[in-house]
Amino acid sequence: MTEKLNKAGDRRGLDDHRRDPEKIIALAKMYREEVAGYKEYVEDKKRRRKYTQEMTGTAYNSILAYTEECYRKKQPITVAGVRLAIGILEDAWLRAKDGDLDYLLEEYIHDHNITENDITYDKDGLPWCDGENGPVLLLPWSWLRKKADLMIQDQLERNCYTNRGNPAGSIFGLKAQFNWKEDEGPQHLVQQLVIADLDQAKKALEMLK
């Protein structure tokens, strides 16, 4: 008898929900948000774990090799070229600029108990340590991104000053990638007259008449 009552009660609960579509919609929305939140969390973890601090040394050497090849072949350094050399996706490239991957450096130092005695500095003053699979650069990913941006920006500026290639393309690149703006305000030329003695003052007054 009790079992029958429980079943009847469960049935009435289902009937109540069927009579209240707003509750059904609210529950469905809640479950969708929970699932979406979980999927976003998982995807974020996957993206973050795709790149490690151990990769910074390889990425840095890849940038140097790519830029040296560009200089040797007299070819332009491009953002796409740098990304291809590193093997980094656009999403991670943007996150590196915002510093979203910099936690990897702190995590690596903490997990491997890195001390000052473990660090060596190369000829450029960059800090390295010995990792399990080779040297590890102890600089954040945001530094690598800024380094690459500066190398590209330097080339574009040089093109503008030397009229090499197509200066208009370099100007476009500086505006689009590095937020450069032209000064469209009025330009003022200020001429100063320096007078040393009375004779020069008289001559200056005569010139102004």
N, C-alpha and C. Protein backbone atom coordinates (compact mmCIF):
# COMPACT_ATOMS: atom_id res chain seq x y z
N MET A 1 0.83 -1.21 0.00
CA MET A 1 0.00 0.00 0.00
C MET A 1 0.86 1.25 0.00
N THR A 2 1.94 1.18 0.80
CA THR A 2 2.85 2.34 0.85
C THR A 2 3.50 2.57 -0.49
N GLU A 3 3.90 1.49 -1.15
CA GLU A 3 4.54 1.60 -2.45
C GLU A 3 3.60 2.24 -3.46
N LYS A 4 2.33 1.86 -3.39
CA LYS A 4 1.36 2.45 -4.30
C LYS A 4 1.19 3.94 -4.04
N LEU A 5 1.20 4.32 -2.75
CA LEU A 5 1.07 5.74 -2.42
C LEU A 5 2.27 6.54 -2.91
N ASN A 6 3.48 5.97 -2.76
CA ASN A 6 4.69 6.65 -3.22
C ASN A 6 4.64 6.85 -4.73
N LYS A 7 4.20 5.79 -5.42
CA LYS A 7 4.09 5.92 -6.87
C LYS A 7 3.07 6.97 -7.26
N ALA A 8 1.98 7.00 -6.50
CA ALA A 8 0.96 8.00 -6.79
C ALA A 8 1.49 9.40 -6.53
N GLY A 9 2.26 9.50 -5.43
CA GLY A 9 2.84 10.81 -5.12
C GLY A 9 3.82 11.25 -6.20
N ASP A 10 4.68 10.32 -6.66
CA ASP A 10 5.63 10.65 -7.74
C ASP A 10 4.88 11.08 -8.99
N ARG A 11 3.79 10.40 -9.23
CA ARG A 11 2.99 10.71 -10.41
C ARG A 11 2.43 12.12 -10.31
N ARG A 12 1.95 12.45 -9.10
CA ARG A 12 1.38 13.81 -8.92
C ARG A 12 2.47 14.86 -9.12
N GLY A 13 3.76 14.53 -8.70
CA GLY A 13 4.85 15.48 -8.89
C GLY A 13 5.10 15.74 -10.37
N LEU A 14 5.04 14.65 -11.16
CA LEU A 14 5.23 14.83 -12.59
C LEU A 14 4.10 15.65 -13.19
N ASP A 15 2.90 15.37 -12.74
CA ASP A 15 1.75 16.12 -13.23
C ASP A 15 1.87 17.60 -12.89
N ASP A 16 2.39 17.88 -11.66
CA ASP A 16 2.56 19.28 -11.26
C ASP A 16 3.51 20.00 -12.21
N HIS A 17 4.62 19.33 -12.58
CA HIS A 17 5.58 19.96 -13.49
C HIS A 17 4.97 20.15 -14.87
N ARG A 18 4.14 19.20 -15.28
CA ARG A 18 3.52 19.32 -16.59
C ARG A 18 2.53 20.49 -16.62
N ARG A 19 1.97 20.76 -15.46
CA ARG A 19 1.03 21.87 -15.40
C ARG A 19 1.75 23.22 -15.28
N ASP A 20 3.08 23.21 -15.00
CA ASP A 20 3.82 24.45 -14.81
C ASP A 20 5.01 24.48 -15.79
N PRO A 21 4.77 24.89 -17.02
CA PRO A 21 5.85 24.90 -18.03
C PRO A 21 7.00 25.84 -17.66
N GLU A 22 6.72 26.88 -16.87
CA GLU A 22 7.79 27.81 -16.48
C GLU A 22 8.87 27.10 -15.65
N LYS A 23 8.42 26.17 -14.77
CA LYS A 23 9.38 25.40 -13.98
C LYS A 23 10.23 24.52 -14.87
N ILE A 24 9.58 23.90 -15.86
CA ILE A 24 10.31 23.02 -16.78
C ILE A 24 11.36 23.83 -17.55
N ILE A 25 10.98 24.99 -18.03
CA ILE A 25 11.91 25.84 -18.78
C ILE A 25 13.06 26.30 -17.90
N ALA A 26 12.75 26.66 -16.65
CA ALA A 26 13.78 27.12 -15.72
C ALA A 26 14.78 26.00 -15.42
N LEU A 27 14.26 24.76 -15.21
CA LEU A 27 15.14 23.63 -14.94
C LEU A 27 16.03 23.31 -16.14
N ALA A 28 15.42 23.34 -17.32
CA ALA A 28 16.19 23.06 -18.54
C ALA A 28 17.29 24.09 -18.73
N LYS A 29 16.99 25.35 -18.49
CA LYS A 29 17.97 26.42 -18.61
C LYS A 29 19.11 26.23 -17.61
N MET A 30 18.75 25.86 -16.38
CA MET A 30 19.75 25.65 -15.35
C MET A 30 20.71 24.52 -15.75
N TYR A 31 20.16 23.42 -16.25
CA TYR A 31 21.00 22.30 -16.65
C TYR A 31 21.89 22.68 -17.84
N ARG A 32 21.35 23.43 -18.81
CA ARG A 32 22.14 23.87 -19.96
C ARG A 32 23.31 24.73 -19.51
N GLU A 33 23.07 25.64 -18.59
CA GLU A 33 24.12 26.52 -18.09
C GLU A 33 25.19 25.74 -17.36
N GLU A 34 24.76 24.73 -16.57
CA GLU A 34 25.73 23.91 -15.84
C GLU A 34 26.61 23.13 -16.82
N VAL A 35 25.98 22.55 -17.83
CA VAL A 35 26.74 21.77 -18.82
C VAL A 35 27.68 22.67 -19.60
N ALA A 36 27.18 23.84 -20.01
CA ALA A 36 28.00 24.78 -20.77
C ALA A 36 29.18 25.26 -19.93
N GLY A 37 28.93 25.54 -18.66
CA GLY A 37 30.00 25.97 -17.77
C GLY A 37 31.06 24.91 -17.60
N TYR A 38 30.63 23.66 -17.50
CA TYR A 38 31.58 22.55 -17.34
C TYR A 38 32.40 22.38 -18.61
N LYS A 39 31.76 22.44 -19.76
CA LYS A 39 32.47 22.30 -21.04
C LYS A 39 33.50 23.42 -21.20
N GLU A 40 33.11 24.63 -20.84
CA GLU A 40 34.03 25.77 -20.94
C GLU A 40 35.23 25.57 -20.01
N TYR A 41 34.96 25.05 -18.81
CA TYR A 41 36.04 24.78 -17.85
C TYR A 41 37.01 23.74 -18.40
N VAL A 42 36.49 22.67 -18.98
CA VAL A 42 37.32 21.60 -19.54
C VAL A 42 38.15 22.12 -20.70
N GLU A 43 37.52 22.89 -21.60
CA GLU A 43 38.23 23.42 -22.75
C GLU A 43 39.34 24.37 -22.32
N ASP A 44 39.06 25.19 -21.31
CA ASP A 44 40.06 26.13 -20.80
C ASP A 44 41.25 25.37 -20.22
N LYS A 45 40.98 24.28 -19.50
CA LYS A 45 42.07 23.47 -18.94
C LYS A 45 42.92 22.85 -20.05
N LYS A 46 42.23 22.40 -21.12
CA LYS A 46 42.96 21.81 -22.24
C LYS A 46 43.86 22.84 -22.90
N ARG A 47 43.30 24.07 -23.12
CA ARG A 47 44.08 25.12 -23.77
C ARG A 47 45.29 25.50 -22.93
N ARG A 48 45.06 25.63 -21.62
CA ARG A 48 46.15 26.05 -20.74
C ARG A 48 47.26 25.00 -20.67
N ARG A 49 46.88 23.74 -20.63
CA ARG A 49 47.88 22.68 -20.50
C ARG A 49 48.57 22.36 -21.81
N LYS A 50 48.10 22.92 -22.91
CA LYS A 50 48.72 22.66 -24.20
C LYS A 50 50.12 23.28 -24.25
N TYR A 51 50.30 24.40 -23.54
CA TYR A 51 51.57 25.11 -23.55
C TYR A 51 52.20 25.04 -22.16
N THR A 52 53.50 24.82 -22.11
CA THR A 52 54.21 24.68 -20.85
C THR A 52 55.39 25.64 -20.81
N GLN A 53 55.96 25.81 -19.62
CA GLN A 53 57.13 26.67 -19.49
C GLN A 53 58.33 26.08 -20.22
N GLU A 54 58.40 24.76 -20.30
CA GLU A 54 59.51 24.10 -20.99
C GLU A 54 59.57 24.48 -22.47
N MET A 55 58.45 24.93 -23.02
CA MET A 55 58.40 25.27 -24.45
C MET A 55 58.96 26.66 -24.75
N THR A 56 59.17 27.48 -23.72
CA THR A 56 59.59 28.87 -23.97
C THR A 56 60.97 28.94 -24.62
N GLY A 57 61.89 28.08 -24.19
CA GLY A 57 63.23 28.09 -24.77
C GLY A 57 63.21 27.74 -26.25
N THR A 58 62.47 26.70 -26.58
CA THR A 58 62.33 26.30 -27.99
C THR A 58 61.66 27.40 -28.80
N ALA A 59 60.64 28.02 -28.22
CA ALA A 59 59.92 29.10 -28.92
C ALA A 59 60.85 30.28 -29.17
N TYR A 60 61.65 30.63 -28.18
CA TYR A 60 62.58 31.76 -28.33
C TYR A 60 63.61 31.48 -29.42
N ASN A 61 64.19 30.30 -29.41
CA ASN A 61 65.18 29.94 -30.44
C ASN A 61 64.53 29.88 -31.82
N SER A 62 63.27 29.47 -31.89
CA SER A 62 62.56 29.42 -33.17
C SER A 62 62.33 30.83 -33.72
N ILE A 63 62.01 31.78 -32.83
CA ILE A 63 61.83 33.16 -33.25
C ILE A 63 63.14 33.73 -33.81
N LEU A 64 64.25 33.47 -33.10
CA LEU A 64 65.55 33.97 -33.56
C LEU A 64 65.92 33.36 -34.91
N ALA A 65 65.70 32.05 -35.06
CA ALA A 65 66.04 31.39 -36.32
C ALA A 65 65.18 31.94 -37.47
N TYR A 66 63.91 32.16 -37.19
CA TYR A 66 63.01 32.69 -38.23
C TYR A 66 63.41 34.09 -38.65
N THR A 67 63.68 34.97 -37.68
CA THR A 67 64.03 36.36 -38.02
C THR A 67 65.38 36.44 -38.73
N GLU A 68 66.34 35.60 -38.32
CA GLU A 68 67.64 35.58 -38.99
C GLU A 68 67.50 35.15 -40.45
N GLU A 69 66.62 34.18 -40.68
CA GLU A 69 66.38 33.73 -42.05
C GLU A 69 65.73 34.84 -42.87
N CYS A 70 64.81 35.58 -42.24
CA CYS A 70 64.16 36.69 -42.94
C CYS A 70 65.17 37.77 -43.31
N TYR A 71 66.08 38.09 -42.39
CA TYR A 71 67.10 39.10 -42.67
C TYR A 71 68.03 38.61 -43.78
N ARG A 72 68.38 37.33 -43.73
CA ARG A 72 69.31 36.79 -44.73
C ARG A 72 68.68 36.79 -46.12
N LYS A 73 67.41 36.45 -46.19
CA LYS A 73 66.71 36.40 -47.48
C LYS A 73 66.06 37.73 -47.84
N LYS A 74 66.21 38.72 -46.96
CA LYS A 74 65.60 40.05 -47.17
C LYS A 74 64.09 39.94 -47.34
N GLN A 75 63.51 39.14 -46.48
CA GLN A 75 62.06 38.95 -46.48
C GLN A 75 61.46 39.59 -45.24
N PRO A 76 60.20 40.00 -45.30
CA PRO A 76 59.57 40.65 -44.14
C PRO A 76 59.30 39.68 -43.00
N ILE A 77 59.40 40.18 -41.79
CA ILE A 77 59.02 39.41 -40.60
C ILE A 77 57.53 39.64 -40.38
N THR A 78 56.77 38.59 -40.29
CA THR A 78 55.32 38.73 -40.15
C THR A 78 54.83 38.03 -38.87
N VAL A 79 53.66 38.45 -38.42
CA VAL A 79 53.05 37.82 -37.25
C VAL A 79 52.76 36.36 -37.55
N ALA A 80 52.22 36.10 -38.74
CA ALA A 80 51.90 34.71 -39.11
C ALA A 80 53.18 33.87 -39.17
N GLY A 81 54.27 34.48 -39.68
CA GLY A 81 55.53 33.76 -39.76
C GLY A 81 56.07 33.39 -38.38
N VAL A 82 55.97 34.33 -37.43
CA VAL A 82 56.41 34.07 -36.06
C VAL A 82 55.57 32.96 -35.44
N ARG A 83 54.26 33.03 -35.63
CA ARG A 83 53.38 32.01 -35.06
C ARG A 83 53.66 30.64 -35.64
N LEU A 84 53.93 30.59 -36.95
CA LEU A 84 54.25 29.31 -37.58
C LEU A 84 55.58 28.77 -37.06
N ALA A 85 56.54 29.67 -36.85
CA ALA A 85 57.85 29.24 -36.34
C ALA A 85 57.73 28.66 -34.94
N ILE A 86 56.90 29.29 -34.11
CA ILE A 86 56.71 28.81 -32.74
C ILE A 86 55.80 27.59 -32.70
N GLY A 87 54.80 27.59 -33.61
CA GLY A 87 53.79 26.55 -33.57
C GLY A 87 52.73 26.85 -32.54
N ILE A 88 52.33 28.11 -32.47
CA ILE A 88 51.35 28.54 -31.46
C ILE A 88 50.05 28.96 -32.14
N LEU A 89 48.93 28.59 -31.55
CA LEU A 89 47.63 28.93 -32.10
C LEU A 89 47.28 30.39 -31.81
N GLU A 90 46.36 30.93 -32.59
CA GLU A 90 46.00 32.35 -32.44
C GLU A 90 45.46 32.65 -31.05
N ASP A 91 44.65 31.74 -30.52
CA ASP A 91 44.06 31.96 -29.20
C ASP A 91 45.15 32.11 -28.14
N ALA A 92 46.14 31.20 -28.17
CA ALA A 92 47.23 31.26 -27.20
C ALA A 92 48.12 32.48 -27.45
N TRP A 93 48.26 32.87 -28.70
CA TRP A 93 49.06 34.06 -29.05
C TRP A 93 48.44 35.31 -28.43
N LEU A 94 47.13 35.42 -28.48
CA LEU A 94 46.45 36.56 -27.88
C LEU A 94 46.51 36.49 -26.36
N ARG A 95 46.38 35.30 -25.81
CA ARG A 95 46.43 35.15 -24.35
C ARG A 95 47.83 35.41 -23.82
N ALA A 96 48.84 35.11 -24.61
CA ALA A 96 50.22 35.40 -24.20
C ALA A 96 50.43 36.90 -24.07
N LYS A 97 49.83 37.65 -24.97
CA LYS A 97 49.95 39.11 -24.90
C LYS A 97 49.30 39.65 -23.64
N ASP A 98 48.18 39.06 -23.24
CA ASP A 98 47.45 39.53 -22.05
C ASP A 98 48.04 38.99 -20.75
N GLY A 99 49.05 38.13 -20.86
CA GLY A 99 49.68 37.59 -19.66
C GLY A 99 48.97 36.38 -19.07
N ASP A 100 48.04 35.79 -19.82
CA ASP A 100 47.26 34.67 -19.30
C ASP A 100 48.06 33.38 -19.17
N LEU A 101 49.25 33.33 -19.80
CA LEU A 101 50.09 32.14 -19.70
C LEU A 101 51.28 32.34 -18.76
N ASP A 102 51.37 33.50 -18.16
CA ASP A 102 52.53 33.80 -17.30
C ASP A 102 52.55 32.98 -16.02
N TYR A 103 51.39 32.45 -15.63
CA TYR A 103 51.35 31.63 -14.41
C TYR A 103 52.22 30.39 -14.56
N LEU A 104 52.49 29.97 -15.81
CA LEU A 104 53.30 28.78 -16.05
C LEU A 104 54.71 28.94 -15.49
N LEU A 105 55.25 30.16 -15.55
CA LEU A 105 56.59 30.41 -15.02
C LEU A 105 56.61 30.24 -13.50
N GLU A 106 55.66 30.85 -12.83
CA GLU A 106 55.58 30.73 -11.37
C GLU A 106 55.36 29.26 -10.97
N GLU A 107 54.51 28.59 -11.71
CA GLU A 107 54.21 27.18 -11.42
C GLU A 107 55.45 26.31 -11.60
N TYR A 108 56.22 26.58 -12.66
CA TYR A 108 57.42 25.79 -12.93
C TYR A 108 58.48 26.01 -11.85
N ILE A 109 58.70 27.26 -11.47
CA ILE A 109 59.69 27.57 -10.43
C ILE A 109 59.30 26.91 -9.11
N HIS A 110 58.02 26.95 -8.80
CA HIS A 110 57.54 26.36 -7.55
C HIS A 110 57.65 24.84 -7.57
N ASP A 111 57.18 24.21 -8.66
CA ASP A 111 57.14 22.75 -8.73
C ASP A 111 58.54 22.13 -8.79
N HIS A 112 59.52 22.88 -9.35
CA HIS A 112 60.88 22.33 -9.51
C HIS A 112 61.86 22.93 -8.50
N ASN A 113 61.33 23.70 -7.56
CA ASN A 113 62.17 24.28 -6.49
C ASN A 113 63.39 25.01 -7.06
N ILE A 114 63.16 25.84 -8.06
CA ILE A 114 64.25 26.58 -8.70
C ILE A 114 64.76 27.67 -7.76
N THR A 115 66.08 27.69 -7.57
CA THR A 115 66.72 28.74 -6.77
C THR A 115 67.70 29.50 -7.64
N GLU A 116 68.30 30.54 -7.09
CA GLU A 116 69.26 31.35 -7.84
C GLU A 116 70.45 30.52 -8.30
N ASN A 117 70.80 29.50 -7.51
CA ASN A 117 71.93 28.64 -7.88
C ASN A 117 71.65 27.78 -9.10
N ASP A 118 70.36 27.60 -9.43
CA ASP A 118 69.98 26.77 -10.58
C ASP A 118 69.94 27.57 -11.88
N ILE A 119 70.09 28.89 -11.77
CA ILE A 119 69.91 29.77 -12.93
C ILE A 119 71.26 30.17 -13.52
N THR A 120 71.36 30.09 -14.84
CA THR A 120 72.52 30.59 -15.57
C THR A 120 72.05 31.62 -16.57
N TYR A 121 72.93 32.57 -16.89
CA TYR A 121 72.56 33.67 -17.79
C TYR A 121 73.39 33.58 -19.06
N ASP A 122 72.73 33.72 -20.20
CA ASP A 122 73.45 33.66 -21.47
C ASP A 122 74.09 35.01 -21.79
N LYS A 123 74.67 35.12 -22.97
CA LYS A 123 75.38 36.35 -23.36
C LYS A 123 74.47 37.56 -23.44
N ASP A 124 73.17 37.32 -23.62
CA ASP A 124 72.21 38.42 -23.69
C ASP A 124 71.59 38.72 -22.32
N GLY A 125 72.05 38.01 -21.30
CA GLY A 125 71.53 38.24 -19.95
C GLY A 125 70.21 37.56 -19.66
N LEU A 126 69.83 36.58 -20.48
CA LEU A 126 68.56 35.88 -20.29
C LEU A 126 68.76 34.70 -19.33
N PRO A 127 67.82 34.49 -18.40
CA PRO A 127 67.96 33.41 -17.40
C PRO A 127 67.47 32.06 -17.92
N TRP A 128 68.29 31.04 -17.72
CA TRP A 128 67.97 29.69 -18.12
C TRP A 128 68.24 28.73 -16.97
N CYS A 129 67.59 27.58 -17.02
CA CYS A 129 67.90 26.49 -16.08
C CYS A 129 67.83 25.18 -16.84
N ASP A 130 68.42 24.14 -16.27
CA ASP A 130 68.41 22.82 -16.90
C ASP A 130 67.09 22.12 -16.60
N GLY A 131 66.39 21.74 -17.66
CA GLY A 131 65.15 21.00 -17.51
C GLY A 131 65.34 19.53 -17.84
N GLU A 132 64.29 18.76 -17.71
CA GLU A 132 64.37 17.32 -17.98
C GLU A 132 64.66 17.04 -19.44
N ASN A 133 64.15 17.89 -20.33
CA ASN A 133 64.33 17.65 -21.77
C ASN A 133 65.18 18.72 -22.43
N GLY A 134 65.93 19.48 -21.63
CA GLY A 134 66.78 20.52 -22.20
C GLY A 134 66.65 21.83 -21.45
N PRO A 135 67.38 22.88 -21.89
CA PRO A 135 67.34 24.18 -21.21
C PRO A 135 65.94 24.79 -21.22
N VAL A 136 65.57 25.42 -20.10
CA VAL A 136 64.26 26.07 -19.96
C VAL A 136 64.50 27.56 -19.74
N LEU A 137 63.86 28.38 -20.56
CA LEU A 137 63.97 29.83 -20.43
C LEU A 137 63.05 30.31 -19.31
N LEU A 138 63.61 30.97 -18.32
CA LEU A 138 62.82 31.41 -17.16
C LEU A 138 62.30 32.82 -17.36
N LEU A 139 61.54 32.98 -18.41
CA LEU A 139 60.87 34.25 -18.70
C LEU A 139 59.42 33.94 -19.09
N PRO A 140 58.50 34.83 -18.78
CA PRO A 140 57.08 34.55 -19.07
C PRO A 140 56.78 34.58 -20.56
N TRP A 141 55.69 33.94 -20.92
CA TRP A 141 55.24 33.93 -22.32
C TRP A 141 54.96 35.33 -22.84
N SER A 142 54.50 36.22 -21.96
CA SER A 142 54.21 37.60 -22.40
C SER A 142 55.49 38.29 -22.87
N TRP A 143 56.64 37.93 -22.27
CA TRP A 143 57.91 38.51 -22.71
C TRP A 143 58.23 38.05 -24.13
N LEU A 144 58.01 36.77 -24.40
CA LEU A 144 58.24 36.26 -25.76
C LEU A 144 57.37 36.99 -26.77
N ARG A 145 56.11 37.21 -26.42
CA ARG A 145 55.18 37.89 -27.32
C ARG A 145 55.67 39.32 -27.57
N LYS A 146 56.10 40.02 -26.51
CA LYS A 146 56.58 41.39 -26.67
C LYS A 146 57.86 41.43 -27.50
N LYS A 147 58.73 40.43 -27.30
CA LYS A 147 59.96 40.35 -28.07
C LYS A 147 59.66 40.22 -29.55
N ALA A 148 58.74 39.35 -29.91
CA ALA A 148 58.36 39.16 -31.31
C ALA A 148 57.72 40.43 -31.87
N ASP A 149 56.84 41.05 -31.09
CA ASP A 149 56.18 42.28 -31.54
C ASP A 149 57.20 43.39 -31.80
N LEU A 150 58.20 43.52 -30.93
CA LEU A 150 59.20 44.56 -31.10
C LEU A 150 60.04 44.33 -32.36
N MET A 151 60.37 43.08 -32.65
CA MET A 151 61.15 42.78 -33.84
C MET A 151 60.37 43.12 -35.11
N ILE A 152 59.08 42.82 -35.10
CA ILE A 152 58.24 43.15 -36.26
C ILE A 152 58.09 44.66 -36.38
N GLN A 153 57.84 45.32 -35.25
CA GLN A 153 57.66 46.77 -35.24
C GLN A 153 58.94 47.48 -35.69
N ASP A 154 60.09 46.99 -35.24
CA ASP A 154 61.37 47.58 -35.64
C ASP A 154 61.54 47.54 -37.15
N GLN A 155 61.19 46.40 -37.75
CA GLN A 155 61.33 46.28 -39.20
C GLN A 155 60.40 47.25 -39.93
N LEU A 156 59.15 47.35 -39.46
CA LEU A 156 58.19 48.24 -40.10
C LEU A 156 58.64 49.70 -40.00
N GLU A 157 59.17 50.09 -38.86
CA GLU A 157 59.67 51.46 -38.69
C GLU A 157 60.83 51.73 -39.64
N ARG A 158 61.76 50.78 -39.72
CA ARG A 158 62.90 50.96 -40.62
C ARG A 158 62.44 51.12 -42.07
N ASN A 159 61.43 50.36 -42.46
CA ASN A 159 60.90 50.47 -43.81
C ASN A 159 60.37 51.87 -44.09
N CYS A 160 59.72 52.45 -43.07
CA CYS A 160 59.17 53.80 -43.24
C CYS A 160 60.27 54.84 -43.37
N TYR A 161 61.32 54.71 -42.57
CA TYR A 161 62.40 55.70 -42.59
C TYR A 161 63.29 55.59 -43.81
N THR A 162 63.43 54.37 -44.34
CA THR A 162 64.33 54.16 -45.47
C THR A 162 63.60 54.04 -46.80
N ASN A 163 62.24 54.10 -46.77
CA ASN A 163 61.42 53.93 -47.99
C ASN A 163 61.69 52.59 -48.66
N ARG A 164 62.01 51.59 -47.84
CA ARG A 164 62.26 50.27 -48.39
C ARG A 164 60.95 49.56 -48.67
N GLY A 165 60.89 48.90 -49.81
CA GLY A 165 59.67 48.16 -50.14
C GLY A 165 58.49 49.10 -50.36
N ASN A 166 57.43 48.84 -49.66
CA ASN A 166 56.22 49.64 -49.76
C ASN A 166 55.94 50.31 -48.41
N PRO A 167 56.37 51.57 -48.23
CA PRO A 167 56.16 52.24 -46.94
C PRO A 167 54.70 52.29 -46.52
N ALA A 168 53.79 52.39 -47.50
CA ALA A 168 52.37 52.45 -47.17
C ALA A 168 51.93 51.16 -46.47
N GLY A 169 52.47 50.03 -46.91
CA GLY A 169 52.15 48.76 -46.26
C GLY A 169 52.69 48.70 -44.84
N SER A 170 53.89 49.25 -44.64
CA SER A 170 54.48 49.28 -43.31
C SER A 170 53.68 50.17 -42.37
N ILE A 171 53.23 51.31 -42.90
CA ILE A 171 52.41 52.22 -42.10
C ILE A 171 51.10 51.55 -41.70
N PHE A 172 50.50 50.82 -42.66
CA PHE A 172 49.27 50.09 -42.36
C PHE A 172 49.52 49.06 -41.26
N GLY A 173 50.66 48.35 -41.35
CA GLY A 173 50.98 47.35 -40.35
C GLY A 173 51.16 47.96 -38.97
N LEU A 174 51.80 49.12 -38.90
CA LEU A 174 52.01 49.79 -37.61
C LEU A 174 50.67 50.23 -37.01
N LYS A 175 49.77 50.69 -37.87
CA LYS A 175 48.46 51.13 -37.38
C LYS A 175 47.61 49.94 -36.95
N ALA A 176 47.58 48.89 -37.78
CA ALA A 176 46.69 47.76 -37.52
C ALA A 176 47.17 46.89 -36.36
N GLN A 177 48.48 46.67 -36.28
CA GLN A 177 49.00 45.72 -35.30
C GLN A 177 49.48 46.38 -34.02
N PHE A 178 49.94 47.63 -34.13
CA PHE A 178 50.56 48.25 -32.96
C PHE A 178 49.91 49.58 -32.57
N ASN A 179 48.72 49.83 -33.13
CA ASN A 179 47.89 50.98 -32.72
C ASN A 179 48.58 52.32 -32.91
N TRP A 180 49.42 52.42 -33.93
CA TRP A 180 50.02 53.71 -34.23
C TRP A 180 48.96 54.63 -34.81
N LYS A 181 49.12 55.93 -34.54
CA LYS A 181 48.19 56.92 -35.08
C LYS A 181 48.97 58.09 -35.66
N GLU A 182 48.43 58.62 -36.74
CA GLU A 182 49.06 59.80 -37.33
C GLU A 182 48.61 61.04 -36.59
N ASP A 183 49.54 61.98 -36.43
CA ASP A 183 49.22 63.25 -35.78
C ASP A 183 48.56 64.16 -36.81
N GLU A 184 47.23 64.26 -36.72
CA GLU A 184 46.48 65.06 -37.70
C GLU A 184 46.26 66.49 -37.24
N GLY A 185 46.84 66.85 -36.11
CA GLY A 185 46.69 68.21 -35.60
C GLY A 185 47.52 69.19 -36.41
N PRO A 186 47.25 70.48 -36.30
CA PRO A 186 48.02 71.50 -37.03
C PRO A 186 49.47 71.53 -36.55
N GLN A 187 50.36 71.67 -37.50
CA GLN A 187 51.78 71.75 -37.19
C GLN A 187 52.19 73.22 -37.10
N HIS A 188 52.89 73.58 -36.05
CA HIS A 188 53.32 74.97 -35.84
C HIS A 188 54.84 75.05 -35.97
N LEU A 189 55.28 76.00 -36.76
CA LEU A 189 56.70 76.26 -36.90
C LEU A 189 57.03 77.51 -36.11
N VAL A 190 57.84 77.36 -35.11
CA VAL A 190 58.20 78.48 -34.25
C VAL A 190 59.61 78.93 -34.60
N GLN A 191 59.74 80.17 -35.04
CA GLN A 191 61.05 80.72 -35.36
C GLN A 191 61.48 81.64 -34.22
N GLN A 192 62.68 81.43 -33.77
CA GLN A 192 63.21 82.24 -32.70
C GLN A 192 64.33 83.11 -33.23
N LEU A 193 64.33 84.36 -32.83
CA LEU A 193 65.35 85.31 -33.24
C LEU A 193 66.23 85.61 -32.05
N VAL A 194 67.48 85.22 -32.15
CA VAL A 194 68.42 85.43 -31.06
C VAL A 194 69.27 86.66 -31.37
N ILE A 195 69.21 87.65 -30.49
CA ILE A 195 69.93 88.92 -30.68
C ILE A 195 71.02 89.04 -29.64
N ALA A 196 72.24 89.27 -30.12
CA ALA A 196 73.38 89.30 -29.20
C ALA A 196 73.76 90.72 -28.79
N ASP A 197 73.59 91.71 -29.67
CA ASP A 197 74.00 93.07 -29.31
C ASP A 197 73.07 94.09 -29.96
N LEU A 198 73.36 95.37 -29.77
CA LEU A 198 72.49 96.45 -30.26
C LEU A 198 72.46 96.53 -31.77
N ASP A 199 73.62 96.33 -32.42
CA ASP A 199 73.67 96.39 -33.88
C ASP A 199 72.78 95.32 -34.52
N GLN A 200 72.84 94.12 -33.94
CA GLN A 200 71.99 93.06 -34.46
C GLN A 200 70.51 93.36 -34.25
N ALA A 201 70.19 94.03 -33.15
CA ALA A 201 68.81 94.42 -32.88
C ALA A 201 68.31 95.39 -33.93
N LYS A 202 69.15 96.37 -34.29
CA LYS A 202 68.77 97.34 -35.32
C LYS A 202 68.55 96.66 -36.67
N LYS A 203 69.46 95.75 -37.01
CA LYS A 203 69.31 95.03 -38.28
C LYS A 203 68.03 94.20 -38.31
N ALA A 204 67.71 93.58 -37.18
CA ALA A 204 66.50 92.77 -37.09
C ALA A 204 65.25 93.62 -37.27
N LEU A 205 65.26 94.82 -36.67
CA LEU A 205 64.11 95.72 -36.81
C LEU A 205 63.94 96.19 -38.24
N GLU A 206 65.07 96.42 -38.93
CA GLU A 206 64.99 96.83 -40.32
C GLU A 206 64.41 95.72 -41.18
N MET A 207 64.77 94.49 -40.88
CA MET A 207 64.25 93.34 -41.65
C MET A 207 62.75 93.15 -41.45
N LEU A 208 62.27 93.51 -40.27
CA LEU A 208 60.85 93.32 -39.98
C LEU A 208 59.97 94.39 -40.58
N LYS A 209 60.54 95.52 -41.04
CA LYS A 209 59.74 96.62 -41.62
C LYS A 209 59.18 96.23 -42.97
